[in-house]
Amino acid sequence: MSACCPHSDDEHHFVRTCQHVTHYPSEDYPCLCTGFEPADDPTQCARCEHDAGMHKTVRVCRPANDEICGCHA
């Protein structure tokens, strides 16, 4: 069991998720890109076109029963 939720440790996976926030006139929207994919320019992600440095490796829970879990360890 993980410290952040009741799911098993093997249900937690390391993913590279983009932490970039897109600024609109009224609100800030987080980028939902998970999984860095190098572009022609290696400093940029081909999936979301944000800077490679914005992608951080985080450990997230993906329960086997497809339940939504917000645990980020």
C-alpha atoms as a PDB file:
ATOM      1  CA  MET A   1       0.000   0.000   0.000  1.00  0.00           C
ATOM      2  CA  SER A   2       1.276   3.456  -0.884  1.00  0.00           C
ATOM      3  CA  ALA A   3       1.552   6.298   1.616  1.00  0.00           C
ATOM      4  CA  CYS A   4      -0.896   8.423  -0.380  1.00  0.00           C
ATOM      5  CA  CYS A   5      -3.682   5.922  -1.071  1.00  0.00           C
ATOM      6  CA  PRO A   6      -4.844   2.348  -0.350  1.00  0.00           C
ATOM      7  CA  HIS A   7      -3.660   0.941  -3.710  1.00  0.00           C
ATOM      8  CA  SER A   8      -0.694  -1.378  -4.071  1.00  0.00           C
ATOM      9  CA  ASP A   9       2.786  -0.100  -4.916  1.00  0.00           C
ATOM     10  CA  ASP A  10       2.743  -1.875  -8.293  1.00  0.00           C
ATOM     11  CA  GLU A  11      -0.251   0.263  -9.333  1.00  0.00           C
ATOM     12  CA  HIS A  12       1.962   3.346  -9.110  1.00  0.00           C
ATOM     13  CA  HIS A  13       3.841   4.230 -12.280  1.00  0.00           C
ATOM     14  CA  PHE A  14       6.447   6.817 -13.156  1.00  0.00           C
ATOM     15  CA  VAL A  15       5.310   9.171 -15.907  1.00  0.00           C
ATOM     16  CA  ARG A  16       6.652  12.385 -17.374  1.00  0.00           C
ATOM     17  CA  THR A  17       3.930  14.963 -17.118  1.00  0.00           C
ATOM     18  CA  CYS A  18       4.006  18.525 -18.411  1.00  0.00           C
ATOM     19  CA  GLN A  19       3.709  21.117 -15.648  1.00  0.00           C
ATOM     20  CA  HIS A  20       3.267  24.022 -18.064  1.00  0.00           C
ATOM     21  CA  VAL A  21       0.383  26.376 -17.378  1.00  0.00           C
ATOM     22  CA  THR A  22      -1.231  28.086 -20.356  1.00  0.00           C
ATOM     23  CA  HIS A  23      -2.277  31.628 -19.578  1.00  0.00           C
ATOM     24  CA  TYR A  24      -5.557  32.826 -21.025  1.00  0.00           C
ATOM     25  CA  PRO A  25      -7.119  36.249 -20.368  1.00  0.00           C
ATOM     26  CA  SER A  26      -9.254  34.998 -17.490  1.00  0.00           C
ATOM     27  CA  GLU A  27      -7.787  31.719 -16.197  1.00  0.00           C
ATOM     28  CA  ASP A  28      -4.728  29.468 -16.111  1.00  0.00           C
ATOM     29  CA  TYR A  29      -5.012  25.998 -17.646  1.00  0.00           C
ATOM     30  CA  PRO A  30      -2.557  23.196 -16.865  1.00  0.00           C
ATOM     31  CA  CYS A  31      -1.161  21.197 -19.759  1.00  0.00           C
ATOM     32  CA  LEU A  32      -2.564  17.654 -19.695  1.00  0.00           C
ATOM     33  CA  CYS A  33       0.315  16.055 -21.625  1.00  0.00           C
ATOM     34  CA  THR A  34       1.720  12.894 -20.042  1.00  0.00           C
ATOM     35  CA  GLY A  35       4.584  11.126 -21.737  1.00  0.00           C
ATOM     36  CA  PHE A  36       7.382  13.250 -23.135  1.00  0.00           C
ATOM     37  CA  GLU A  37       8.007  12.701 -26.846  1.00  0.00           C
ATOM     38  CA  PRO A  38      11.068  14.431 -28.371  1.00  0.00           C
ATOM     39  CA  ALA A  39      10.385  16.677 -31.343  1.00  0.00           C
ATOM     40  CA  ASP A  40      12.790  17.630 -34.142  1.00  0.00           C
ATOM     41  CA  ASP A  41      14.034  20.153 -31.620  1.00  0.00           C
ATOM     42  CA  PRO A  42      15.086  17.982 -28.616  1.00  0.00           C
ATOM     43  CA  THR A  43      14.297  20.828 -26.224  1.00  0.00           C
ATOM     44  CA  GLN A  44      10.608  20.604 -27.139  1.00  0.00           C
ATOM     45  CA  CYS A  45       7.916  17.951 -26.656  1.00  0.00           C
ATOM     46  CA  ALA A  46       6.281  16.787 -29.899  1.00  0.00           C
ATOM     47  CA  ARG A  47       2.994  16.046 -28.146  1.00  0.00           C
ATOM     48  CA  CYS A  48       2.320  19.410 -26.537  1.00  0.00           C
ATOM     49  CA  GLU A  49       5.063  21.610 -28.039  1.00  0.00           C
ATOM     50  CA  HIS A  50       6.079  22.842 -24.598  1.00  0.00           C
ATOM     51  CA  ASP A  51       9.661  23.077 -23.405  1.00  0.00           C
ATOM     52  CA  ALA A  52      11.231  19.730 -22.447  1.00  0.00           C
ATOM     53  CA  GLY A  53      12.183  21.156 -19.063  1.00  0.00           C
ATOM     54  CA  MET A  54       8.502  21.559 -18.180  1.00  0.00           C
ATOM     55  CA  HIS A  55       8.091  17.781 -18.125  1.00  0.00           C
ATOM     56  CA  LYS A  56       8.679  16.388 -14.650  1.00  0.00           C
ATOM     57  CA  THR A  57       8.861  12.746 -13.660  1.00  0.00           C
ATOM     58  CA  VAL A  58       6.132  11.981 -11.142  1.00  0.00           C
ATOM     59  CA  ARG A  59       4.778   8.786  -9.622  1.00  0.00           C
ATOM     60  CA  VAL A  60       1.039   8.453 -10.194  1.00  0.00           C
ATOM     61  CA  CYS A  61      -1.451   5.801  -9.204  1.00  0.00           C
ATOM     62  CA  ARG A  62      -3.301   3.984 -11.965  1.00  0.00           C
ATOM     63  CA  PRO A  63      -5.517   1.435 -10.190  1.00  0.00           C
ATOM     64  CA  ALA A  64      -6.038  -1.877 -11.964  1.00  0.00           C
ATOM     65  CA  ASN A  65      -9.814  -1.518 -11.624  1.00  0.00           C
ATOM     66  CA  ASP A  66      -9.761   1.739 -13.669  1.00  0.00           C
ATOM     67  CA  GLU A  67     -10.850   3.718 -10.622  1.00  0.00           C
ATOM     68  CA  ILE A  68      -9.742   7.356 -10.716  1.00  0.00           C
ATOM     69  CA  CYS A  69      -7.096   8.043  -8.100  1.00  0.00           C
ATOM     70  CA  GLY A  70      -5.464  11.421  -7.607  1.00  0.00           C
ATOM     71  CA  CYS A  71      -2.445  10.049  -5.759  1.00  0.00           C
ATOM     72  CA  HIS A  72       0.894  11.559  -6.828  1.00  0.00           C
ATOM     73  CA  ALA A  73       3.691  10.119  -4.732  1.00  0.00           C
END
